[in-house]
């Protein structure tokens, strides 16, 4: 977006009585609400992968350990990404899921 168009859109938003910062906050809250669904699906998918990996190990399959590791990574993806963003100093980029 060119700077002129950005200024015009900001002026339009201000003229309608809605500050641009408030619109960005609503967008961030919307993403937080959507993340809840994604995290819940990912967590249950990861648990199912862990369960199937344990089942494969009990049947003597050598692929079971990889399934368990993949399930742990999938189930903990939200915590892993939040920790990485915090470690590298990008705390403002972390969006908190809203239940």
Protein backbone atom coordinates (compact mmCIF):
# COMPACT_ATOMS: atom_id res chain seq x y z
CA UNK A 1 0.00 0.00 0.00
CA UNK A 2 1.45 3.34 -0.93
CA UNK A 3 1.88 5.97 1.78
CA UNK A 4 -0.70 8.23 0.12
CA UNK A 5 -3.33 5.48 0.09
CA UNK A 6 -2.52 4.61 3.70
CA UNK A 7 -2.98 8.23 4.74
CA UNK A 8 -6.25 8.46 2.84
CA UNK A 9 -7.58 5.27 4.44
CA UNK A 10 -6.50 6.51 7.87
CA UNK A 11 -8.22 9.83 7.29
CA UNK A 12 -11.35 8.04 6.12
CA UNK A 13 -11.37 5.88 9.23
CA UNK A 14 -10.86 8.90 11.46
CA UNK A 15 -13.60 10.83 9.71
CA UNK A 16 -16.01 7.96 10.41
CA UNK A 17 -15.27 8.25 14.12
CA UNK A 18 -13.23 5.05 14.39
CA UNK A 19 -9.55 5.44 15.27
CA UNK A 20 -7.20 3.21 13.30
CA UNK A 21 -5.66 1.79 16.48
CA UNK A 22 -9.08 0.61 17.69
CA UNK A 23 -9.65 -1.17 14.37
CA UNK A 24 -6.29 -2.94 14.71
CA UNK A 25 -7.18 -3.99 18.25
CA UNK A 26 -10.47 -5.49 17.03
CA UNK A 27 -8.58 -7.35 14.31
CA UNK A 28 -6.12 -8.71 16.87
CA UNK A 29 -9.00 -9.87 19.09
CA UNK A 30 -10.64 -11.55 16.09
CA UNK A 31 -7.45 -13.47 15.36
CA UNK A 32 -7.26 -14.45 19.04
CA UNK A 33 -10.76 -15.91 18.84
CA UNK A 34 -9.91 -17.85 15.67
CA UNK A 35 -6.72 -19.19 17.26
CA UNK A 36 -8.75 -20.94 19.95
CA UNK A 37 -10.33 -23.21 17.37
CA UNK A 38 -7.01 -23.87 15.62
CA UNK A 39 -5.22 -24.65 18.88
CA UNK A 40 -7.98 -26.98 20.08
CA UNK A 41 -7.94 -28.94 16.81
CA UNK A 42 -4.13 -29.08 16.86
CA UNK A 43 -4.06 -30.27 20.46
CA UNK A 44 -6.54 -33.10 19.89
CA UNK A 45 -4.82 -34.07 16.63
CA UNK A 46 -1.49 -34.22 18.48
CA UNK A 47 -2.96 -36.38 21.24
CA UNK A 48 -4.38 -38.76 18.63
CA UNK A 49 -0.94 -38.96 16.94
CA UNK A 50 0.68 -39.78 20.28
CA UNK A 51 -1.95 -42.43 20.94
CA UNK A 52 -1.50 -44.01 17.49
CA UNK A 53 2.29 -43.92 17.92
CA UNK A 54 2.02 -45.74 21.25
CA UNK A 55 -0.32 -48.26 19.64
CA UNK A 56 2.17 -48.80 16.79
CA UNK A 57 5.01 -49.37 19.26
CA UNK A 58 2.92 -51.93 21.15
CA UNK A 59 2.44 -53.82 17.87
CA UNK A 60 6.20 -53.77 17.14
CA UNK A 61 6.21 -51.08 14.45
CA UNK A 62 9.39 -49.00 14.35
CA UNK A 63 7.50 -45.91 13.11
CA UNK A 64 5.73 -45.44 16.44
CA UNK A 65 8.47 -43.29 17.99
CA UNK A 66 8.26 -40.82 15.10
CA UNK A 67 4.48 -40.68 15.56
CA UNK A 68 4.84 -39.89 19.24
CA UNK A 69 7.40 -37.15 18.53
CA UNK A 70 5.18 -35.65 15.81
CA UNK A 71 2.19 -35.70 18.18
CA UNK A 72 4.14 -33.89 20.89
CA UNK A 73 5.24 -31.20 18.44
CA UNK A 74 1.72 -30.77 17.02
CA UNK A 75 0.04 -30.64 20.44
CA UNK A 76 2.59 -28.17 21.83
CA UNK A 77 2.94 -26.00 18.70
CA UNK A 78 1.25 -22.97 20.29
CA UNK A 79 3.48 -23.04 23.36
CA UNK A 80 6.59 -23.64 21.25
CA UNK A 81 5.87 -20.69 18.95
CA UNK A 82 5.00 -18.39 21.86
CA UNK A 83 8.27 -19.31 23.59
CA UNK A 84 10.30 -18.74 20.41
CA UNK A 85 8.73 -15.32 19.85
CA UNK A 86 9.48 -14.37 23.46
CA UNK A 87 13.07 -15.64 23.28
CA UNK A 88 13.78 -13.58 20.17
CA UNK A 89 12.24 -10.43 21.68
CA UNK A 90 9.03 -10.34 19.65
CA UNK A 91 6.51 -10.49 22.52
CA UNK A 92 4.14 -8.08 20.77
CA UNK A 93 3.76 -10.52 17.89
CA UNK A 94 2.26 -13.18 20.17
CA UNK A 95 -1.54 -13.22 19.98
CA UNK A 96 -3.32 -14.64 23.01
CA UNK A 97 -6.21 -16.97 22.19
CA UNK A 98 -9.54 -15.69 23.54
CA UNK A 99 -11.94 -18.27 24.93
